[in-house]
PDB file of all heavy atoms in Angstrom:
ATOM      1  N   SER A   1      -6.969 -30.503  41.760  1.00  0.00           N
ATOM      2  CA  SER A   1      -7.650 -29.207  41.753  1.00  0.00           C
ATOM      3  C   SER A   1      -7.187 -28.303  40.614  1.00  0.00           C
ATOM      4  O   SER A   1      -7.888 -27.353  40.253  1.00  0.00           O
ATOM      5  CB  SER A   1      -7.438 -28.498  43.090  1.00  0.00           C
ATOM      6  OG  SER A   1      -6.059 -28.255  43.317  1.00  0.00           O
ATOM      7  N   SER A   2      -6.030 -28.607  40.039  1.00  0.00           N
ATOM      8  CA  SER A   2      -5.545 -27.772  38.934  1.00  0.00           C
ATOM      9  C   SER A   2      -6.407 -27.925  37.683  1.00  0.00           C
ATOM     10  O   SER A   2      -6.289 -27.145  36.738  1.00  0.00           O
ATOM     11  CB  SER A   2      -4.087 -28.116  38.605  1.00  0.00           C
ATOM     12  OG  SER A   2      -3.975 -29.442  38.137  1.00  0.00           O
ATOM     13  N   ASP A   3      -7.275 -28.935  37.682  1.00  0.00           N
ATOM     14  CA  ASP A   3      -8.211 -29.119  36.566  1.00  0.00           C
ATOM     15  C   ASP A   3      -9.597 -28.549  36.874  1.00  0.00           C
ATOM     16  O   ASP A   3     -10.531 -28.721  36.089  1.00  0.00           O
ATOM     17  CB  ASP A   3      -8.338 -30.614  36.238  1.00  0.00           C
ATOM     18  CG  ASP A   3      -7.045 -31.202  35.699  1.00  0.00           C
ATOM     19  OD1 ASP A   3      -6.503 -30.639  34.737  1.00  0.00           O
ATOM     20  OD2 ASP A   3      -6.568 -32.211  36.260  1.00  0.00           O
ATOM     21  N   MET A   4      -9.730 -27.874  38.033  1.00  0.00           N
ATOM     22  CA  MET A   4     -11.000 -27.277  38.435  1.00  0.00           C
ATOM     23  C   MET A   4     -11.108 -25.830  37.940  1.00  0.00           C
ATOM     24  O   MET A   4     -10.108 -25.099  37.913  1.00  0.00           O
ATOM     25  CB  MET A   4     -11.146 -27.291  39.955  1.00  0.00           C
ATOM     26  CG  MET A   4     -11.328 -28.668  40.560  1.00  0.00           C
ATOM     27  SD  MET A   4     -12.859 -29.481  40.062  1.00  0.00           S
ATOM     28  CE  MET A   4     -14.099 -28.324  40.685  1.00  0.00           C
ATOM     29  N   TYR A   5     -12.322 -25.455  37.584  1.00  0.00           N
ATOM     30  CA  TYR A   5     -12.602 -24.105  37.104  1.00  0.00           C
ATOM     31  C   TYR A   5     -13.896 -23.612  37.750  1.00  0.00           C
ATOM     32  O   TYR A   5     -14.770 -24.402  38.111  1.00  0.00           O
ATOM     33  CB  TYR A   5     -12.760 -24.077  35.582  1.00  0.00           C
ATOM     34  CG  TYR A   5     -11.484 -24.385  34.838  1.00  0.00           C
ATOM     35  CD1 TYR A   5     -11.039 -25.703  34.694  1.00  0.00           C
ATOM     36  CD2 TYR A   5     -10.701 -23.367  34.295  1.00  0.00           C
ATOM     37  CE1 TYR A   5      -9.858 -25.991  34.031  1.00  0.00           C
ATOM     38  CE2 TYR A   5      -9.521 -23.656  33.626  1.00  0.00           C
ATOM     39  CZ  TYR A   5      -9.105 -24.963  33.502  1.00  0.00           C
ATOM     40  OH  TYR A   5      -7.927 -25.250  32.852  1.00  0.00           O
ATOM     41  N   VAL A   6     -14.000 -22.303  37.885  1.00  0.00           N
ATOM     42  CA  VAL A   6     -15.229 -21.700  38.377  1.00  0.00           C
ATOM     43  C   VAL A   6     -15.701 -20.682  37.333  1.00  0.00           C
ATOM     44  O   VAL A   6     -14.889 -19.950  36.748  1.00  0.00           O
ATOM     45  CB  VAL A   6     -15.021 -21.027  39.751  1.00  0.00           C
ATOM     46  CG1 VAL A   6     -13.962 -19.937  39.698  1.00  0.00           C
ATOM     47  CG2 VAL A   6     -16.333 -20.473  40.288  1.00  0.00           C
ATOM     48  N   LEU A   7     -16.999 -20.681  37.079  1.00  0.00           N
ATOM     49  CA  LEU A   7     -17.587 -19.741  36.124  1.00  0.00           C
ATOM     50  C   LEU A   7     -18.647 -18.928  36.843  1.00  0.00           C
ATOM     51  O   LEU A   7     -19.570 -19.493  37.446  1.00  0.00           O
ATOM     52  CB  LEU A   7     -18.222 -20.494  34.951  1.00  0.00           C
ATOM     53  CG  LEU A   7     -19.002 -19.640  33.934  1.00  0.00           C
ATOM     54  CD1 LEU A   7     -18.067 -18.682  33.188  1.00  0.00           C
ATOM     55  CD2 LEU A   7     -19.749 -20.539  32.948  1.00  0.00           C
ATOM     56  N   ASN A   8     -18.503 -17.611  36.809  1.00  0.00           N
ATOM     57  CA  ASN A   8     -19.518 -16.713  37.363  1.00  0.00           C
ATOM     58  C   ASN A   8     -20.132 -15.904  36.226  1.00  0.00           C
ATOM     59  O   ASN A   8     -19.439 -15.512  35.278  1.00  0.00           O
ATOM     60  CB  ASN A   8     -18.903 -15.772  38.393  1.00  0.00           C
ATOM     61  CG  ASN A   8     -18.812 -16.408  39.766  1.00  0.00           C
ATOM     62  OD1 ASN A   8     -19.731 -16.339  40.562  1.00  0.00           O
ATOM     63  ND2 ASN A   8     -17.678 -17.046  40.047  1.00  0.00           N
ATOM     64  N   ALA A   9     -21.424 -15.657  36.342  1.00  0.00           N
ATOM     65  CA  ALA A   9     -22.128 -14.877  35.323  1.00  0.00           C
ATOM     66  C   ALA A   9     -23.159 -13.985  36.003  1.00  0.00           C
ATOM     67  O   ALA A   9     -23.629 -14.285  37.105  1.00  0.00           O
ATOM     68  CB  ALA A   9     -22.822 -15.799  34.325  1.00  0.00           C
ATOM     69  N   TYR A  10     -23.487 -12.882  35.336  1.00  0.00           N
ATOM     70  CA  TYR A  10     -24.621 -12.075  35.779  1.00  0.00           C
ATOM     71  C   TYR A  10     -25.629 -12.008  34.640  1.00  0.00           C
ATOM     72  O   TYR A  10     -25.290 -11.693  33.494  1.00  0.00           O
ATOM     73  CB  TYR A  10     -24.228 -10.650  36.188  1.00  0.00           C
ATOM     74  CG  TYR A  10     -25.453  -9.878  36.645  1.00  0.00           C
ATOM     75  CD1 TYR A  10     -26.003 -10.132  37.895  1.00  0.00           C
ATOM     76  CD2 TYR A  10     -26.100  -8.963  35.819  1.00  0.00           C
ATOM     77  CE1 TYR A  10     -27.175  -9.492  38.318  1.00  0.00           C
ATOM     78  CE2 TYR A  10     -27.263  -8.314  36.229  1.00  0.00           C
ATOM     79  CZ  TYR A  10     -27.783  -8.583  37.480  1.00  0.00           C
ATOM     80  OH  TYR A  10     -28.947  -7.962  37.893  1.00  0.00           O
ATOM     81  N   VAL A  11     -26.900 -12.308  34.986  1.00  0.00           N
ATOM     82  CA  VAL A  11     -27.993 -12.299  34.013  1.00  0.00           C
ATOM     83  C   VAL A  11     -29.014 -11.266  34.483  1.00  0.00           C
ATOM     84  O   VAL A  11     -29.493 -11.326  35.619  1.00  0.00           O
ATOM     85  CB  VAL A  11     -28.659 -13.692  33.917  1.00  0.00           C
ATOM     86  CG1 VAL A  11     -29.622 -13.726  32.734  1.00  0.00           C
ATOM     87  CG2 VAL A  11     -27.605 -14.791  33.781  1.00  0.00           C
ATOM     88  N   ASN A  12     -29.333 -10.298  33.623  1.00  0.00           N
ATOM     89  CA  ASN A  12     -30.165  -9.184  34.074  1.00  0.00           C
ATOM     90  C   ASN A  12     -31.640  -9.576  34.221  1.00  0.00           C
ATOM     91  O   ASN A  12     -32.030 -10.725  34.004  1.00  0.00           O
ATOM     92  CB  ASN A  12     -29.982  -7.965  33.163  1.00  0.00           C
ATOM     93  CG  ASN A  12     -30.594  -8.141  31.774  1.00  0.00           C
ATOM     94  OD1 ASN A  12     -31.296  -9.113  31.489  1.00  0.00           O
ATOM     95  ND2 ASN A  12     -30.330  -7.199  30.889  1.00  0.00           N
ATOM     96  N   THR A  13     -32.463  -8.602  34.595  1.00  0.00           N
ATOM     97  CA  THR A  13     -33.881  -8.861  34.870  1.00  0.00           C
ATOM     98  C   THR A  13     -34.650  -9.264  33.613  1.00  0.00           C
ATOM     99  O   THR A  13     -35.767  -9.760  33.706  1.00  0.00           O
ATOM    100  CB  THR A  13     -34.548  -7.632  35.505  1.00  0.00           C
ATOM    101  OG1 THR A  13     -34.268  -6.478  34.705  1.00  0.00           O
ATOM    102  CG2 THR A  13     -34.020  -7.394  36.912  1.00  0.00           C
ATOM    103  N   SER A  14     -34.045  -9.061  32.448  1.00  0.00           N
ATOM    104  CA  SER A  14     -34.661  -9.495  31.188  1.00  0.00           C
ATOM    105  C   SER A  14     -34.092 -10.822  30.704  1.00  0.00           C
ATOM    106  O   SER A  14     -34.294 -11.214  29.550  1.00  0.00           O
ATOM    107  CB  SER A  14     -34.452  -8.424  30.104  1.00  0.00           C
ATOM    108  OG  SER A  14     -35.032  -7.197  30.486  1.00  0.00           O
ATOM    109  N   SER A  15     -33.336 -11.500  31.578  1.00  0.00           N
ATOM    110  CA  SER A  15     -32.718 -12.805  31.285  1.00  0.00           C
ATOM    111  C   SER A  15     -31.693 -12.723  30.158  1.00  0.00           C
ATOM    112  O   SER A  15     -31.536 -13.658  29.367  1.00  0.00           O
ATOM    113  CB  SER A  15     -33.794 -13.862  30.963  1.00  0.00           C
ATOM    114  OG  SER A  15     -34.600 -14.099  32.100  1.00  0.00           O
ATOM    115  N   GLN A  16     -30.977 -11.590  30.110  1.00  0.00           N
ATOM    116  CA  GLN A  16     -29.861 -11.437  29.173  1.00  0.00           C
ATOM    117  C   GLN A  16     -28.553 -11.482  29.960  1.00  0.00           C
ATOM    118  O   GLN A  16     -28.390 -10.753  30.942  1.00  0.00           O
ATOM    119  CB  GLN A  16     -29.958 -10.099  28.436  1.00  0.00           C
ATOM    120  CG  GLN A  16     -31.207  -9.952  27.601  1.00  0.00           C
ATOM    121  CD  GLN A  16     -31.362  -8.532  27.055  1.00  0.00           C
ATOM    122  OE1 GLN A  16     -31.044  -7.556  27.733  1.00  0.00           O
ATOM    123  NE2 GLN A  16     -31.849  -8.425  25.836  1.00  0.00           N
ATOM    124  N   VAL A  17     -27.631 -12.341  29.526  1.00  0.00           N
ATOM    125  CA  VAL A  17     -26.336 -12.446  30.195  1.00  0.00           C
ATOM    126  C   VAL A  17     -25.521 -11.184  29.921  1.00  0.00           C
ATOM    127  O   VAL A  17     -25.352 -10.785  28.770  1.00  0.00           O
ATOM    128  CB  VAL A  17     -25.565 -13.695  29.722  1.00  0.00           C
ATOM    129  CG1 VAL A  17     -24.175 -13.741  30.356  1.00  0.00           C
ATOM    130  CG2 VAL A  17     -26.336 -14.960  30.074  1.00  0.00           C
ATOM    131  N   LYS A  18     -25.024 -10.556  30.981  1.00  0.00           N
ATOM    132  CA  LYS A  18     -24.293  -9.300  30.853  1.00  0.00           C
ATOM    133  C   LYS A  18     -22.830  -9.408  31.278  1.00  0.00           C
ATOM    134  O   LYS A  18     -22.051  -8.480  31.040  1.00  0.00           O
ATOM    135  CB  LYS A  18     -24.979  -8.204  31.676  1.00  0.00           C
ATOM    136  CG  LYS A  18     -26.333  -7.786  31.117  1.00  0.00           C
ATOM    137  CD  LYS A  18     -26.187  -7.245  29.698  1.00  0.00           C
ATOM    138  CE  LYS A  18     -27.506  -6.891  29.063  1.00  0.00           C
ATOM    139  NZ  LYS A  18     -27.336  -6.393  27.666  1.00  0.00           N
ATOM    140  N   MET A  19     -22.455 -10.524  31.907  1.00  0.00           N
ATOM    141  CA  MET A  19     -21.057 -10.693  32.319  1.00  0.00           C
ATOM    142  C   MET A  19     -20.756 -12.169  32.503  1.00  0.00           C
ATOM    143  O   MET A  19     -21.570 -12.925  33.032  1.00  0.00           O
ATOM    144  CB  MET A  19     -20.805  -9.950  33.635  1.00  0.00           C
ATOM    145  CG  MET A  19     -19.365 -10.016  34.156  1.00  0.00           C
ATOM    146  SD  MET A  19     -18.986 -11.503  35.137  1.00  0.00           S
ATOM    147  CE  MET A  19     -20.049 -11.278  36.562  1.00  0.00           C
ATOM    148  N   MET A  20     -19.554 -12.580  32.037  1.00  0.00           N
ATOM    149  CA  MET A  20     -19.081 -13.938  32.268  1.00  0.00           C
ATOM    150  C   MET A  20     -17.594 -13.883  32.600  1.00  0.00           C
ATOM    151  O   MET A  20     -16.823 -13.185  31.934  1.00  0.00           O
ATOM    152  CB  MET A  20     -19.314 -14.837  31.052  1.00  0.00           C
ATOM    153  CG  MET A  20     -20.753 -14.868  30.570  1.00  0.00           C
ATOM    154  SD  MET A  20     -21.119 -16.240  29.453  1.00  0.00           S
ATOM    155  CE  MET A  20     -21.500 -17.537  30.631  1.00  0.00           C
ATOM    156  N   SER A  21     -17.218 -14.625  33.634  1.00  0.00           N
ATOM    157  CA  SER A  21     -15.822 -14.631  34.069  1.00  0.00           C
ATOM    158  C   SER A  21     -15.427 -16.040  34.490  1.00  0.00           C
ATOM    159  O   SER A  21     -16.046 -16.632  35.371  1.00  0.00           O
ATOM    160  CB  SER A  21     -15.615 -13.661  35.235  1.00  0.00           C
ATOM    161  OG  SER A  21     -14.285 -13.738  35.725  1.00  0.00           O
ATOM    162  N   LEU A  22     -14.394 -16.557  33.868  1.00  0.00           N
ATOM    163  CA  LEU A  22     -13.882 -17.895  34.161  1.00  0.00           C
ATOM    164  C   LEU A  22     -12.638 -17.784  35.035  1.00  0.00           C
ATOM    165  O   LEU A  22     -11.782 -16.932  34.804  1.00  0.00           O
ATOM    166  CB  LEU A  22     -13.541 -18.625  32.859  1.00  0.00           C
ATOM    167  CG  LEU A  22     -13.109 -20.087  32.973  1.00  0.00           C
ATOM    168  CD1 LEU A  22     -14.278 -20.958  33.438  1.00  0.00           C
ATOM    169  CD2 LEU A  22     -12.578 -20.585  31.619  1.00  0.00           C
ATOM    170  N   GLY A  23     -12.555 -18.642  36.039  1.00  0.00           N
ATOM    171  CA  GLY A  23     -11.377 -18.686  36.892  1.00  0.00           C
ATOM    172  C   GLY A  23     -10.816 -20.091  36.954  1.00  0.00           C
ATOM    173  O   GLY A  23     -11.567 -21.066  37.080  1.00  0.00           O
ATOM    174  N   LYS A  24      -9.507 -20.202  36.848  1.00  0.00           N
ATOM    175  CA  LYS A  24      -8.827 -21.505  36.961  1.00  0.00           C
ATOM    176  C   LYS A  24      -8.281 -21.648  38.375  1.00  0.00           C
ATOM    177  O   LYS A  24      -7.648 -20.733  38.907  1.00  0.00           O
ATOM    178  CB  LYS A  24      -7.679 -21.602  35.961  1.00  0.00           C
ATOM    179  CG  LYS A  24      -6.798 -22.841  36.140  1.00  0.00           C
ATOM    180  CD  LYS A  24      -5.669 -22.869  35.128  1.00  0.00           C
ATOM    181  CE  LYS A  24      -4.605 -23.891  35.501  1.00  0.00           C
ATOM    182  NZ  LYS A  24      -5.125 -25.262  35.656  1.00  0.00           N
ATOM    183  N   CYS A  25      -8.522 -22.801  38.979  1.00  0.00           N
ATOM    184  CA  CYS A  25      -8.036 -23.050  40.331  1.00  0.00           C
ATOM    185  C   CYS A  25      -6.538 -23.343  40.312  1.00  0.00           C
ATOM    186  O   CYS A  25      -6.073 -24.219  39.577  1.00  0.00           O
ATOM    187  CB  CYS A  25      -8.785 -24.225  40.952  1.00  0.00           C
ATOM    188  SG  CYS A  25      -8.228 -24.635  42.618  1.00  0.00           S
ATOM    189  N   LEU A  26      -5.784 -22.596  41.107  1.00  0.00           N
ATOM    190  CA  LEU A  26      -4.366 -22.880  41.319  1.00  0.00           C
ATOM    191  C   LEU A  26      -4.139 -23.602  42.645  1.00  0.00           C
ATOM    192  O   LEU A  26      -3.143 -24.307  42.808  1.00  0.00           O
ATOM    193  CB  LEU A  26      -3.542 -21.583  41.296  1.00  0.00           C
ATOM    194  CG  LEU A  26      -3.487 -20.828  39.973  1.00  0.00           C
ATOM    195  CD1 LEU A  26      -2.626 -19.574  40.109  1.00  0.00           C
ATOM    196  CD2 LEU A  26      -2.938 -21.718  38.852  1.00  0.00           C
ATOM    197  N   LEU A  27      -5.062 -23.406  43.578  1.00  0.00           N
ATOM    198  CA  LEU A  27      -4.933 -24.055  44.884  1.00  0.00           C
ATOM    199  C   LEU A  27      -6.313 -24.154  45.518  1.00  0.00           C
ATOM    200  O   LEU A  27      -7.046 -23.168  45.587  1.00  0.00           O
ATOM    201  CB  LEU A  27      -4.008 -23.227  45.793  1.00  0.00           C
ATOM    202  CG  LEU A  27      -3.468 -23.923  47.042  1.00  0.00           C
ATOM    203  CD1 LEU A  27      -2.478 -25.019  46.658  1.00  0.00           C
ATOM    204  CD2 LEU A  27      -2.791 -22.908  47.959  1.00  0.00           C
ATOM    205  N   ASP A  28      -6.662 -25.365  45.982  1.00  0.00           N
ATOM    206  CA  ASP A  28      -7.957 -25.520  46.653  1.00  0.00           C
ATOM    207  C   ASP A  28      -7.755 -25.711  48.151  1.00  0.00           C
ATOM    208  O   ASP A  28      -6.631 -25.861  48.630  1.00  0.00           O
ATOM    209  CB  ASP A  28      -8.761 -26.667  46.048  1.00  0.00           C
ATOM    210  CG  ASP A  28      -8.125 -28.027  46.296  1.00  0.00           C
ATOM    211  OD1 ASP A  28      -6.913 -28.074  46.578  1.00  0.00           O
ATOM    212  OD2 ASP A  28      -8.825 -29.049  46.189  1.00  0.00           O
ATOM    213  N   GLU A  29      -8.864 -25.688  48.869  1.00  0.00           N
ATOM    214  CA  GLU A  29      -8.821 -25.816  50.326  1.00  0.00           C
ATOM    215  C   GLU A  29      -8.481 -27.250  50.725  1.00  0.00           C
ATOM    216  O   GLU A  29      -8.863 -28.201  50.025  1.00  0.00           O
ATOM    217  CB  GLU A  29     -10.185 -25.395  50.900  1.00  0.00           C
ATOM    218  CG  GLU A  29     -10.266 -25.376  52.407  1.00  0.00           C
ATOM    219  CD  GLU A  29      -9.268 -24.447  53.049  1.00  0.00           C
ATOM    220  OE1 GLU A  29      -9.569 -23.249  53.214  1.00  0.00           O
ATOM    221  OE2 GLU A  29      -8.168 -24.939  53.381  1.00  0.00           O
ATOM    222  N   VAL A  30      -7.760 -27.424  51.831  1.00  0.00           N
ATOM    223  CA  VAL A  30      -7.398 -28.760  52.304  1.00  0.00           C
ATOM    224  C   VAL A  30      -8.047 -29.111  53.640  1.00  0.00           C
ATOM    225  O   VAL A  30      -8.011 -30.270  54.050  1.00  0.00           O
ATOM    226  CB  VAL A  30      -5.858 -28.924  52.424  1.00  0.00           C
ATOM    227  CG1 VAL A  30      -5.198 -28.846  51.060  1.00  0.00           C
ATOM    228  CG2 VAL A  30      -5.270 -27.904  53.392  1.00  0.00           C
ATOM    229  N   LEU A  31      -8.639 -28.133  54.327  1.00  0.00           N
ATOM    230  CA  LEU A  31      -9.342 -28.447  55.572  1.00  0.00           C
ATOM    231  C   LEU A  31     -10.546 -29.332  55.246  1.00  0.00           C
ATOM    232  O   LEU A  31     -11.334 -29.002  54.350  1.00  0.00           O
ATOM    233  CB  LEU A  31      -9.810 -27.169  56.268  1.00  0.00           C
ATOM    234  CG  LEU A  31      -8.714 -26.287  56.873  1.00  0.00           C
ATOM    235  CD1 LEU A  31      -9.314 -24.981  57.395  1.00  0.00           C
ATOM    236  CD2 LEU A  31      -7.993 -27.017  58.003  1.00  0.00           C
ATOM    237  N   PRO A  32     -10.716 -30.461  55.944  1.00  0.00           N
ATOM    238  CA  PRO A  32     -11.751 -31.443  55.577  1.00  0.00           C
ATOM    239  C   PRO A  32     -13.149 -30.871  55.396  1.00  0.00           C
ATOM    240  O   PRO A  32     -13.854 -31.234  54.454  1.00  0.00           O
ATOM    241  CB  PRO A  32     -11.700 -32.436  56.743  1.00  0.00           C
ATOM    242  CG  PRO A  32     -10.284 -32.371  57.222  1.00  0.00           C
ATOM    243  CD  PRO A  32      -9.879 -30.931  57.057  1.00  0.00           C
ATOM    244  N   LEU A  33     -13.574 -29.957  56.287  1.00  0.00           N
ATOM    245  CA  LEU A  33     -14.930 -29.416  56.193  1.00  0.00           C
ATOM    246  C   LEU A  33     -15.080 -28.393  55.079  1.00  0.00           C
ATOM    247  O   LEU A  33     -16.198 -28.000  54.740  1.00  0.00           O
ATOM    248  CB  LEU A  33     -15.352 -28.791  57.525  1.00  0.00           C
ATOM    249  CG  LEU A  33     -15.719 -29.779  58.634  1.00  0.00           C
ATOM    250  CD1 LEU A  33     -16.041 -29.034  59.927  1.00  0.00           C
ATOM    251  CD2 LEU A  33     -16.910 -30.648  58.228  1.00  0.00           C
ATOM    252  N   ASN A  34     -13.965 -27.947  54.513  1.00  0.00           N
ATOM    253  CA  ASN A  34     -14.023 -26.910  53.477  1.00  0.00           C
ATOM    254  C   ASN A  34     -13.545 -27.390  52.115  1.00  0.00           C
ATOM    255  O   ASN A  34     -13.298 -26.584  51.217  1.00  0.00           O
ATOM    256  CB  ASN A  34     -13.192 -25.691  53.909  1.00  0.00           C
ATOM    257  CG  ASN A  34     -13.777 -25.003  55.124  1.00  0.00           C
ATOM    258  OD1 ASN A  34     -14.983 -24.962  55.295  1.00  0.00           O
ATOM    259  ND2 ASN A  34     -12.923 -24.470  55.983  1.00  0.00           N
ATOM    260  N   ILE A  35     -13.383 -28.706  51.971  1.00  0.00           N
ATOM    261  CA  ILE A  35     -12.979 -29.260  50.683  1.00  0.00           C
ATOM    262  C   ILE A  35     -13.965 -28.802  49.610  1.00  0.00           C
ATOM    263  O   ILE A  35     -15.181 -28.866  49.785  1.00  0.00           O
ATOM    264  CB  ILE A  35     -12.946 -30.805  50.731  1.00  0.00           C
ATOM    265  CG1 ILE A  35     -11.879 -31.304  51.710  1.00  0.00           C
ATOM    266  CG2 ILE A  35     -12.712 -31.383  49.342  1.00  0.00           C
ATOM    267  CD1 ILE A  35     -10.461 -31.015  51.311  1.00  0.00           C
ATOM    268  N   GLY A  36     -13.429 -28.346  48.499  1.00  0.00           N
ATOM    269  CA  GLY A  36     -14.282 -27.851  47.419  1.00  0.00           C
ATOM    270  C   GLY A  36     -14.247 -26.345  47.292  1.00  0.00           C
ATOM    271  O   GLY A  36     -14.668 -25.789  46.278  1.00  0.00           O
ATOM    272  N   ASN A  37     -13.719 -25.660  48.330  1.00  0.00           N
ATOM    273  CA  ASN A  37     -13.532 -24.212  48.245  1.00  0.00           C
ATOM    274  C   ASN A  37     -12.202 -23.906  47.575  1.00  0.00           C
ATOM    275  O   ASN A  37     -11.256 -24.697  47.632  1.00  0.00           O
ATOM    276  CB  ASN A  37     -13.560 -23.580  49.640  1.00  0.00           C
ATOM    277  CG  ASN A  37     -14.941 -23.594  50.266  1.00  0.00           C
ATOM    278  OD1 ASN A  37     -15.941 -23.688  49.560  1.00  0.00           O
ATOM    279  ND2 ASN A  37     -15.000 -23.514  51.578  1.00  0.00           N
ATOM    280  N   TYR A  38     -12.115 -22.748  46.958  1.00  0.00           N
ATOM    281  CA  TYR A  38     -10.887 -22.327  46.284  1.00  0.00           C
ATOM    282  C   TYR A  38     -10.108 -21.349  47.160  1.00  0.00           C
ATOM    283  O   TYR A  38     -10.699 -20.510  47.839  1.00  0.00           O
ATOM    284  CB  TYR A  38     -11.214 -21.649  44.953  1.00  0.00           C
ATOM    285  CG  TYR A  38     -12.071 -22.495  44.035  1.00  0.00           C
ATOM    286  CD1 TYR A  38     -13.387 -22.130  43.741  1.00  0.00           C
ATOM    287  CD2 TYR A  38     -11.575 -23.658  43.464  1.00  0.00           C
ATOM    288  CE1 TYR A  38     -14.181 -22.904  42.905  1.00  0.00           C
ATOM    289  CE2 TYR A  38     -12.357 -24.436  42.621  1.00  0.00           C
ATOM    290  CZ  TYR A  38     -13.659 -24.056  42.348  1.00  0.00           C
ATOM    291  OH  TYR A  38     -14.441 -24.827  41.518  1.00  0.00           O
ATOM    292  N   ASN A  39      -8.782 -21.451  47.107  1.00  0.00           N
ATOM    293  CA  ASN A  39      -7.936 -20.511  47.844  1.00  0.00           C
ATOM    294  C   ASN A  39      -6.985 -19.726  46.954  1.00  0.00           C
ATOM    295  O   ASN A  39      -6.309 -18.813  47.429  1.00  0.00           O
ATOM    296  CB  ASN A  39      -7.148 -21.240  48.936  1.00  0.00           C
ATOM    297  CG  ASN A  39      -7.977 -21.466  50.186  1.00  0.00           C
ATOM    298  OD1 ASN A  39      -8.957 -20.761  50.430  1.00  0.00           O
ATOM    299  ND2 ASN A  39      -7.602 -22.452  50.985  1.00  0.00           N
TER     300      ASN A  39
END
């Protein structure tokens, strides 16, 4: 999971990107039904 990243962006009503934020995973979920979530 230390090689996992999440990217969030906001694109306005004119389809112009106005925000981008990258996050690096330091710890992911270990509960079987929630694998893939970040903690």
